[in-house]
Amino acid sequence: MCPPLEVFTHHMKRLSIRRTDEIVLYDTLGCFSSQRAFFMLRYFGLENVKILNGGIEKWKSEGGLVESGPIIDPPHVEGDYNF
């Protein structure tokens, strides 16, 4: 199920994720939910959405950079939030 457009837009604005941003999704244990998120984002009009092949563990094993720590709401960024 997808959230109502108003709810989706509210959370995307809160996270400063614009319609034109590049979004890379990944799972931590095999293929679990990244596919669902991919189709939901595409449903709401985001076009530059990708799924990381092999998940986060493969990324780390190949030397990919990761960040950790508390999630802090980013400052609002102007841009296209017309989902």
PDB file of N, CA and C in Angstrom:
ATOM      1  N   MET A   1       0.833  -1.178   0.000  1.00  0.00           N
ATOM      2  CA  MET A   1       0.000   0.000   0.000  1.00  0.00           C
ATOM      3  C   MET A   1       0.879   1.242   0.000  1.00  0.00           C
ATOM      4  N   CYS A   2       0.417   2.254  -0.686  1.00  0.00           N
ATOM      5  CA  CYS A   2       1.121   3.536  -0.716  1.00  0.00           C
ATOM      6  C   CYS A   2       0.421   4.519   0.210  1.00  0.00           C
ATOM      7  N   PRO A   3       1.188   5.422   0.799  1.00  0.00           N
ATOM      8  CA  PRO A   3       0.558   6.455   1.627  1.00  0.00           C
ATOM      9  C   PRO A   3      -0.178   7.449   0.736  1.00  0.00           C
ATOM     10  N   PRO A   4      -1.100   8.214   1.321  1.00  0.00           N
ATOM     11  CA  PRO A   4      -1.719   9.294   0.539  1.00  0.00           C
ATOM     12  C   PRO A   4      -0.653  10.293   0.091  1.00  0.00           C
ATOM     13  N   LEU A   5      -0.901  10.945  -1.024  1.00  0.00           N
ATOM     14  CA  LEU A   5       0.052  11.901  -1.591  1.00  0.00           C
ATOM     15  C   LEU A   5       0.474  12.955  -0.577  1.00  0.00           C
ATOM     16  N   GLU A   6      -0.455  13.468   0.211  1.00  0.00           N
ATOM     17  CA  GLU A   6      -0.137  14.524   1.178  1.00  0.00           C
ATOM     18  C   GLU A   6       0.865  14.018   2.223  1.00  0.00           C
ATOM     19  N   VAL A   7       0.698  12.792   2.679  1.00  0.00           N
ATOM     20  CA  VAL A   7       1.593  12.205   3.682  1.00  0.00           C
ATOM     21  C   VAL A   7       2.969  11.971   3.067  1.00  0.00           C
ATOM     22  N   PHE A   8       3.002  11.408   1.873  1.00  0.00           N
ATOM     23  CA  PHE A   8       4.267  11.172   1.174  1.00  0.00           C
ATOM     24  C   PHE A   8       5.026  12.484   0.988  1.00  0.00           C
ATOM     25  N   THR A   9       4.336  13.504   0.486  1.00  0.00           N
ATOM     26  CA  THR A   9       4.967  14.798   0.236  1.00  0.00           C
ATOM     27  C   THR A   9       5.487  15.412   1.529  1.00  0.00           C
ATOM     28  N   HIS A  10       4.712  15.331   2.595  1.00  0.00           N
ATOM     29  CA  HIS A  10       5.138  15.869   3.889  1.00  0.00           C
ATOM     30  C   HIS A  10       6.478  15.261   4.328  1.00  0.00           C
ATOM     31  N   HIS A  11       6.582  13.941   4.262  1.00  0.00           N
ATOM     32  CA  HIS A  11       7.804  13.280   4.714  1.00  0.00           C
ATOM     33  C   HIS A  11       8.984  13.519   3.770  1.00  0.00           C
ATOM     34  N   MET A  12       8.723  13.587   2.481  1.00  0.00           N
ATOM     35  CA  MET A  12       9.813  13.865   1.545  1.00  0.00           C
ATOM     36  C   MET A  12      10.349  15.282   1.754  1.00  0.00           C
ATOM     37  N   LYS A  13       9.455  16.247   1.997  1.00  0.00           N
ATOM     38  CA  LYS A  13       9.904  17.618   2.286  1.00  0.00           C
ATOM     39  C   LYS A  13      10.684  17.651   3.592  1.00  0.00           C
ATOM     40  N   ARG A  14      10.205  16.932   4.604  1.00  0.00           N
ATOM     41  CA  ARG A  14      10.882  16.900   5.904  1.00  0.00           C
ATOM     42  C   ARG A  14      12.303  16.377   5.764  1.00  0.00           C
ATOM     43  N   LEU A  15      12.496  15.404   4.871  1.00  0.00           N
ATOM     44  CA  LEU A  15      13.810  14.813   4.650  1.00  0.00           C
ATOM     45  C   LEU A  15      14.601  15.521   3.545  1.00  0.00           C
ATOM     46  N   SER A  16      13.997  16.567   2.953  1.00  0.00           N
ATOM     47  CA  SER A  16      14.614  17.318   1.848  1.00  0.00           C
ATOM     48  C   SER A  16      14.974  16.416   0.672  1.00  0.00           C
ATOM     49  N   ILE A  17      14.098  15.479   0.368  1.00  0.00           N
ATOM     50  CA  ILE A  17      14.280  14.613  -0.803  1.00  0.00           C
ATOM     51  C   ILE A  17      13.396  15.173  -1.905  1.00  0.00           C
ATOM     52  N   ARG A  18      14.037  15.711  -2.921  1.00  0.00           N
ATOM     53  CA  ARG A  18      13.326  16.351  -4.022  1.00  0.00           C
ATOM     54  C   ARG A  18      13.006  15.357  -5.128  1.00  0.00           C
ATOM     55  N   ARG A  19      12.068  15.729  -5.951  1.00  0.00           N
ATOM     56  CA  ARG A  19      11.641  14.865  -7.062  1.00  0.00           C
ATOM     57  C   ARG A  19      12.789  14.587  -8.028  1.00  0.00           C
ATOM     58  N   THR A  20      13.750  15.476  -8.105  1.00  0.00           N
ATOM     59  CA  THR A  20      14.849  15.353  -9.068  1.00  0.00           C
ATOM     60  C   THR A  20      16.108  14.726  -8.472  1.00  0.00           C
ATOM     61  N   ASP A  21      16.100  14.388  -7.191  1.00  0.00           N
ATOM     62  CA  ASP A  21      17.287  13.812  -6.551  1.00  0.00           C
ATOM     63  C   ASP A  21      17.544  12.385  -7.025  1.00  0.00           C
ATOM     64  N   GLU A  22      18.820  12.000  -6.970  1.00  0.00           N
ATOM     65  CA  GLU A  22      19.183  10.604  -7.221  1.00  0.00           C
ATOM     66  C   GLU A  22      19.044   9.853  -5.896  1.00  0.00           C
ATOM     67  N   ILE A  23      18.319   8.749  -5.926  1.00  0.00           N
ATOM     68  CA  ILE A  23      18.082   7.963  -4.723  1.00  0.00           C
ATOM     69  C   ILE A  23      18.582   6.550  -4.967  1.00  0.00           C
ATOM     70  N   VAL A  24      19.426   6.066  -4.052  1.00  0.00           N
ATOM     71  CA  VAL A  24      19.947   4.704  -4.122  1.00  0.00           C
ATOM     72  C   VAL A  24      19.392   3.940  -2.920  1.00  0.00           C
ATOM     73  N   LEU A  25      18.669   2.876  -3.203  1.00  0.00           N
ATOM     74  CA  LEU A  25      18.071   2.042  -2.163  1.00  0.00           C
ATOM     75  C   LEU A  25      18.900   0.782  -1.980  1.00  0.00           C
ATOM     76  N   TYR A  26      18.868   0.234  -0.768  1.00  0.00           N
ATOM     77  CA  TYR A  26      19.575  -1.023  -0.525  1.00  0.00           C
ATOM     78  C   TYR A  26      18.907  -1.761   0.614  1.00  0.00           C
ATOM     79  N   ASP A  27      19.137  -3.045   0.666  1.00  0.00           N
ATOM     80  CA  ASP A  27      18.677  -3.877   1.775  1.00  0.00           C
ATOM     81  C   ASP A  27      19.888  -4.316   2.580  1.00  0.00           C
ATOM     82  N   THR A  28      19.649  -4.670   3.834  1.00  0.00           N
ATOM     83  CA  THR A  28      20.739  -5.164   4.665  1.00  0.00           C
ATOM     84  C   THR A  28      20.812  -6.682   4.656  1.00  0.00           C
ATOM     85  N   LEU A  29      19.700  -7.351   4.409  1.00  0.00           N
ATOM     86  CA  LEU A  29      19.668  -8.816   4.392  1.00  0.00           C
ATOM     87  C   LEU A  29      19.012  -9.294   3.101  1.00  0.00           C
ATOM     88  N   GLY A  30      19.786  -9.526   2.085  1.00  0.00           N
ATOM     89  CA  GLY A  30      19.232 -10.009   0.823  1.00  0.00           C
ATOM     90  C   GLY A  30      18.307  -8.985   0.188  1.00  0.00           C
ATOM     91  N   CYS A  31      17.223  -9.481  -0.404  1.00  0.00           N
ATOM     92  CA  CYS A  31      16.210  -8.615  -1.023  1.00  0.00           C
ATOM     93  C   CYS A  31      14.985  -8.617  -0.124  1.00  0.00           C
ATOM     94  N   PHE A  32      14.726  -7.509   0.522  1.00  0.00           N
ATOM     95  CA  PHE A  32      13.629  -7.474   1.478  1.00  0.00           C
ATOM     96  C   PHE A  32      12.601  -6.404   1.134  1.00  0.00           C
ATOM     97  N   SER A  33      12.994  -5.151   1.127  1.00  0.00           N
ATOM     98  CA  SER A  33      12.016  -4.085   0.922  1.00  0.00           C
ATOM     99  C   SER A  33      12.444  -3.013  -0.070  1.00  0.00           C
ATOM    100  N   SER A  34      13.654  -3.074  -0.571  1.00  0.00           N
ATOM    101  CA  SER A  34      14.105  -2.025  -1.486  1.00  0.00           C
ATOM    102  C   SER A  34      13.272  -1.995  -2.771  1.00  0.00           C
ATOM    103  N   GLN A  35      12.814  -3.166  -3.221  1.00  0.00           N
ATOM    104  CA  GLN A  35      12.004  -3.202  -4.440  1.00  0.00           C
ATOM    105  C   GLN A  35      10.671  -2.479  -4.233  1.00  0.00           C
ATOM    106  N   ARG A  36      10.072  -2.678  -3.074  1.00  0.00           N
ATOM    107  CA  ARG A  36       8.801  -2.011  -2.785  1.00  0.00           C
ATOM    108  C   ARG A  36       9.006  -0.498  -2.736  1.00  0.00           C
ATOM    109  N   ALA A  37      10.075  -0.056  -2.072  1.00  0.00           N
ATOM    110  CA  ALA A  37      10.372   1.376  -2.004  1.00  0.00           C
ATOM    111  C   ALA A  37      10.630   1.933  -3.405  1.00  0.00           C
ATOM    112  N   PHE A  38      11.333   1.163  -4.239  1.00  0.00           N
ATOM    113  CA  PHE A  38      11.611   1.580  -5.611  1.00  0.00           C
ATOM    114  C   PHE A  38      10.314   1.875  -6.362  1.00  0.00           C
ATOM    115  N   PHE A  39       9.383   0.945  -6.337  1.00  0.00           N
ATOM    116  CA  PHE A  39       8.133   1.128  -7.072  1.00  0.00           C
ATOM    117  C   PHE A  39       7.272   2.225  -6.465  1.00  0.00           C
ATOM    118  N   MET A  40       7.300   2.407  -5.143  1.00  0.00           N
ATOM    119  CA  MET A  40       6.538   3.485  -4.521  1.00  0.00           C
ATOM    120  C   MET A  40       7.096   4.840  -4.951  1.00  0.00           C
ATOM    121  N   LEU A  41       8.420   4.989  -4.934  1.00  0.00           N
ATOM    122  CA  LEU A  41       9.021   6.252  -5.351  1.00  0.00           C
ATOM    123  C   LEU A  41       8.732   6.534  -6.817  1.00  0.00           C
ATOM    124  N   ARG A  42       8.822   5.513  -7.643  1.00  0.00           N
ATOM    125  CA  ARG A  42       8.495   5.690  -9.068  1.00  0.00           C
ATOM    126  C   ARG A  42       7.022   6.053  -9.254  1.00  0.00           C
ATOM    127  N   TYR A  43       6.152   5.452  -8.465  1.00  0.00           N
ATOM    128  CA  TYR A  43       4.714   5.750  -8.523  1.00  0.00           C
ATOM    129  C   TYR A  43       4.453   7.233  -8.270  1.00  0.00           C
ATOM    130  N   PHE A  44       5.210   7.819  -7.331  1.00  0.00           N
ATOM    131  CA  PHE A  44       5.027   9.224  -6.988  1.00  0.00           C
ATOM    132  C   PHE A  44       5.835  10.160  -7.878  1.00  0.00           C
ATOM    133  N   GLY A  45       6.467   9.643  -8.924  1.00  0.00           N
ATOM    134  CA  GLY A  45       7.072  10.487  -9.946  1.00  0.00           C
ATOM    135  C   GLY A  45       8.569  10.672  -9.887  1.00  0.00           C
ATOM    136  N   LEU A  46       9.256  10.037  -8.946  1.00  0.00           N
ATOM    137  CA  LEU A  46      10.710  10.144  -8.919  1.00  0.00           C
ATOM    138  C   LEU A  46      11.275   9.236  -9.998  1.00  0.00           C
ATOM    139  N   GLU A  47      12.170   9.754 -10.813  1.00  0.00           N
ATOM    140  CA  GLU A  47      12.675   8.980 -11.947  1.00  0.00           C
ATOM    141  C   GLU A  47      14.082   8.449 -11.751  1.00  0.00           C
ATOM    142  N   ASN A  48      14.865   9.068 -10.892  1.00  0.00           N
ATOM    143  CA  ASN A  48      16.269   8.699 -10.745  1.00  0.00           C
ATOM    144  C   ASN A  48      16.451   7.840  -9.485  1.00  0.00           C
ATOM    145  N   VAL A  49      15.808   6.675  -9.492  1.00  0.00           N
ATOM    146  CA  VAL A  49      15.826   5.763  -8.347  1.00  0.00           C
ATOM    147  C   VAL A  49      16.531   4.477  -8.771  1.00  0.00           C
ATOM    148  N   LYS A  50      17.450   4.023  -7.923  1.00  0.00           N
ATOM    149  CA  LYS A  50      18.217   2.810  -8.234  1.00  0.00           C
ATOM    150  C   LYS A  50      18.246   1.897  -7.017  1.00  0.00           C
ATOM    151  N   ILE A  51      18.494   0.605  -7.253  1.00  0.00           N
ATOM    152  CA  ILE A  51      18.693  -0.359  -6.174  1.00  0.00           C
ATOM    153  C   ILE A  51      20.136  -0.824  -6.235  1.00  0.00           C
ATOM    154  N   LEU A  52      20.819  -0.770  -5.093  1.00  0.00           N
ATOM    155  CA  LEU A  52      22.214  -1.181  -5.001  1.00  0.00           C
ATOM    156  C   LEU A  52      22.308  -2.697  -5.157  1.00  0.00           C
ATOM    157  N   ASN A  53      22.945  -3.146  -6.217  1.00  0.00           N
ATOM    158  CA  ASN A  53      23.068  -4.569  -6.507  1.00  0.00           C
ATOM    159  C   ASN A  53      23.926  -5.250  -5.441  1.00  0.00           C
ATOM    160  N   GLY A  54      23.360  -6.212  -4.744  1.00  0.00           N
ATOM    161  CA  GLY A  54      24.108  -6.939  -3.725  1.00  0.00           C
ATOM    162  C   GLY A  54      23.912  -6.417  -2.316  1.00  0.00           C
ATOM    163  N   GLY A  55      23.231  -5.307  -2.169  1.00  0.00           N
ATOM    164  CA  GLY A  55      22.958  -4.773  -0.839  1.00  0.00           C
ATOM    165  C   GLY A  55      24.146  -4.112  -0.178  1.00  0.00           C
ATOM    166  N   ILE A  56      23.933  -3.696   1.048  1.00  0.00           N
ATOM    167  CA  ILE A  56      24.949  -2.937   1.780  1.00  0.00           C
ATOM    168  C   ILE A  56      26.175  -3.779   2.118  1.00  0.00           C
ATOM    169  N   GLU A  57      25.979  -5.067   2.368  1.00  0.00           N
ATOM    170  CA  GLU A  57      27.133  -5.912   2.722  1.00  0.00           C
ATOM    171  C   GLU A  57      28.107  -6.030   1.557  1.00  0.00           C
ATOM    172  N   LYS A  58      27.586  -6.189   0.351  1.00  0.00           N
ATOM    173  CA  LYS A  58      28.467  -6.236  -0.821  1.00  0.00           C
ATOM    174  C   LYS A  58      29.169  -4.899  -0.998  1.00  0.00           C
ATOM    175  N   TRP A  59      28.437  -3.817  -0.801  1.00  0.00           N
ATOM    176  CA  TRP A  59      29.016  -2.481  -0.917  1.00  0.00           C
ATOM    177  C   TRP A  59      30.203  -2.325   0.036  1.00  0.00           C
ATOM    178  N   LYS A  60      29.999  -2.709   1.294  1.00  0.00           N
ATOM    179  CA  LYS A  60      31.073  -2.587   2.284  1.00  0.00           C
ATOM    180  C   LYS A  60      32.240  -3.509   1.962  1.00  0.00           C
ATOM    181  N   SER A  61      31.950  -4.722   1.478  1.00  0.00           N
ATOM    182  CA  SER A  61      33.027  -5.667   1.163  1.00  0.00           C
ATOM    183  C   SER A  61      33.891  -5.182   0.002  1.00  0.00           C
ATOM    184  N   GLU A  62      33.329  -4.316  -0.834  1.00  0.00           N
ATOM    185  CA  GLU A  62      34.069  -3.759  -1.962  1.00  0.00           C
ATOM    186  C   GLU A  62      34.703  -2.410  -1.625  1.00  0.00           C
ATOM    187  N   GLY A  63      34.672  -2.043  -0.331  1.00  0.00           N
ATOM    188  CA  GLY A  63      35.320  -0.807   0.091  1.00  0.00           C
ATOM    189  C   GLY A  63      34.464   0.438  -0.020  1.00  0.00           C
ATOM    190  N   GLY A  64      33.161   0.270  -0.225  1.00  0.00           N
ATOM    191  CA  GLY A  64      32.277   1.433  -0.314  1.00  0.00           C
ATOM    192  C   GLY A  64      32.192   2.169   1.013  1.00  0.00           C
ATOM    193  N   LEU A  65      32.043   3.470   0.947  1.00  0.00           N
ATOM    194  CA  LEU A  65      31.969   4.294   2.145  1.00  0.00           C
ATOM    195  C   LEU A  65      30.580   4.204   2.772  1.00  0.00           C
ATOM    196  N   VAL A  66      30.536   4.197   4.097  1.00  0.00           N
ATOM    197  CA  VAL A  66      29.271   4.209   4.831  1.00  0.00           C
ATOM    198  C   VAL A  66      29.373   5.224   5.963  1.00  0.00           C
ATOM    199  N   GLU A  67      28.242   5.703   6.401  1.00  0.00           N
ATOM    200  CA  GLU A  67      28.165   6.614   7.537  1.00  0.00           C
ATOM    201  C   GLU A  67      27.294   5.970   8.592  1.00  0.00           C
ATOM    202  N   SER A  68      27.532   6.322   9.847  1.00  0.00           N
ATOM    203  CA  SER A  68      26.676   5.836  10.915  1.00  0.00           C
ATOM    204  C   SER A  68      26.485   6.952  11.919  1.00  0.00           C
ATOM    205  N   GLY A  69      25.535   6.768  12.798  1.00  0.00           N
ATOM    206  CA  GLY A  69      25.254   7.762  13.811  1.00  0.00           C
ATOM    207  C   GLY A  69      23.788   8.126  13.791  1.00  0.00           C
ATOM    208  N   PRO A  70      23.410   9.040  14.651  1.00  0.00           N
ATOM    209  CA  PRO A  70      21.996   9.417  14.720  1.00  0.00           C
ATOM    210  C   PRO A  70      21.544  10.094  13.427  1.00  0.00           C
ATOM    211  N   ILE A  71      20.290   9.883  13.099  1.00  0.00           N
ATOM    212  CA  ILE A  71      19.701  10.531  11.922  1.00  0.00           C
ATOM    213  C   ILE A  71      19.211  11.907  12.355  1.00  0.00           C
ATOM    214  N   ILE A  72      19.678  12.912  11.668  1.00  0.00           N
ATOM    215  CA  ILE A  72      19.295  14.285  11.973  1.00  0.00           C
ATOM    216  C   ILE A  72      18.555  14.837  10.768  1.00  0.00           C
ATOM    217  N   ASP A  73      17.372  15.429  11.026  1.00  0.00           N
ATOM    218  CA  ASP A  73      16.621  16.019   9.925  1.00  0.00           C
ATOM    219  C   ASP A  73      17.468  17.087   9.245  1.00  0.00           C
ATOM    220  N   PRO A  74      17.640  16.982   7.932  1.00  0.00           N
ATOM    221  CA  PRO A  74      18.445  17.977   7.224  1.00  0.00           C
ATOM    222  C   PRO A  74      17.688  19.300   7.126  1.00  0.00           C
ATOM    223  N   PRO A  75      18.411  20.402   6.897  1.00  0.00           N
ATOM    224  CA  PRO A  75      17.721  21.672   6.669  1.00  0.00           C
ATOM    225  C   PRO A  75      16.932  21.588   5.368  1.00  0.00           C
ATOM    226  N   HIS A  76      15.841  22.335   5.284  1.00  0.00           N
ATOM    227  CA  HIS A  76      15.028  22.310   4.065  1.00  0.00           C
ATOM    228  C   HIS A  76      15.836  22.846   2.883  1.00  0.00           C
ATOM    229  N   VAL A  77      15.726  22.154   1.772  1.00  0.00           N
ATOM    230  CA  VAL A  77      16.412  22.536   0.542  1.00  0.00           C
ATOM    231  C   VAL A  77      15.344  22.895  -0.474  1.00  0.00           C
ATOM    232  N   GLU A  78      15.490  24.042  -1.117  1.00  0.00           N
ATOM    233  CA  GLU A  78      14.534  24.429  -2.163  1.00  0.00           C
ATOM    234  C   GLU A  78      14.666  23.484  -3.336  1.00  0.00           C
ATOM    235  N   GLY A  79      13.572  23.264  -4.038  1.00  0.00           N
ATOM    236  CA  GLY A  79      13.609  22.395  -5.202  1.00  0.00           C
ATOM    237  C   GLY A  79      12.238  21.873  -5.549  1.00  0.00           C
ATOM    238  N   ASP A  80      12.193  20.883  -6.390  1.00  0.00           N
ATOM    239  CA  ASP A  80      10.945  20.325  -6.906  1.00  0.00           C
ATOM    240  C   ASP A  80      10.393  19.264  -5.959  1.00  0.00           C
ATOM    241  N   TYR A  81       9.352  19.625  -5.220  1.00  0.00           N
ATOM    242  CA  TYR A  81       8.661  18.688  -4.333  1.00  0.00           C
ATOM    243  C   TYR A  81       7.269  18.408  -4.878  1.00  0.00           C
ATOM    244  N   ASN A  82       7.083  18.571  -6.178  1.00  0.00           N
ATOM    245  CA  ASN A  82       5.786  18.364  -6.819  1.00  0.00           C
ATOM    246  C   ASN A  82       5.661  16.889  -7.210  1.00  0.00           C
ATOM    247  N   PHE A  83       5.259  16.067  -6.253  1.00  0.00           N
ATOM    248  CA  PHE A  83       5.151  14.621  -6.489  1.00  0.00           C
ATOM    249  C   PHE A  83       3.802  14.291  -7.087  1.00  0.00           C
TER     250      PHE A  83
END
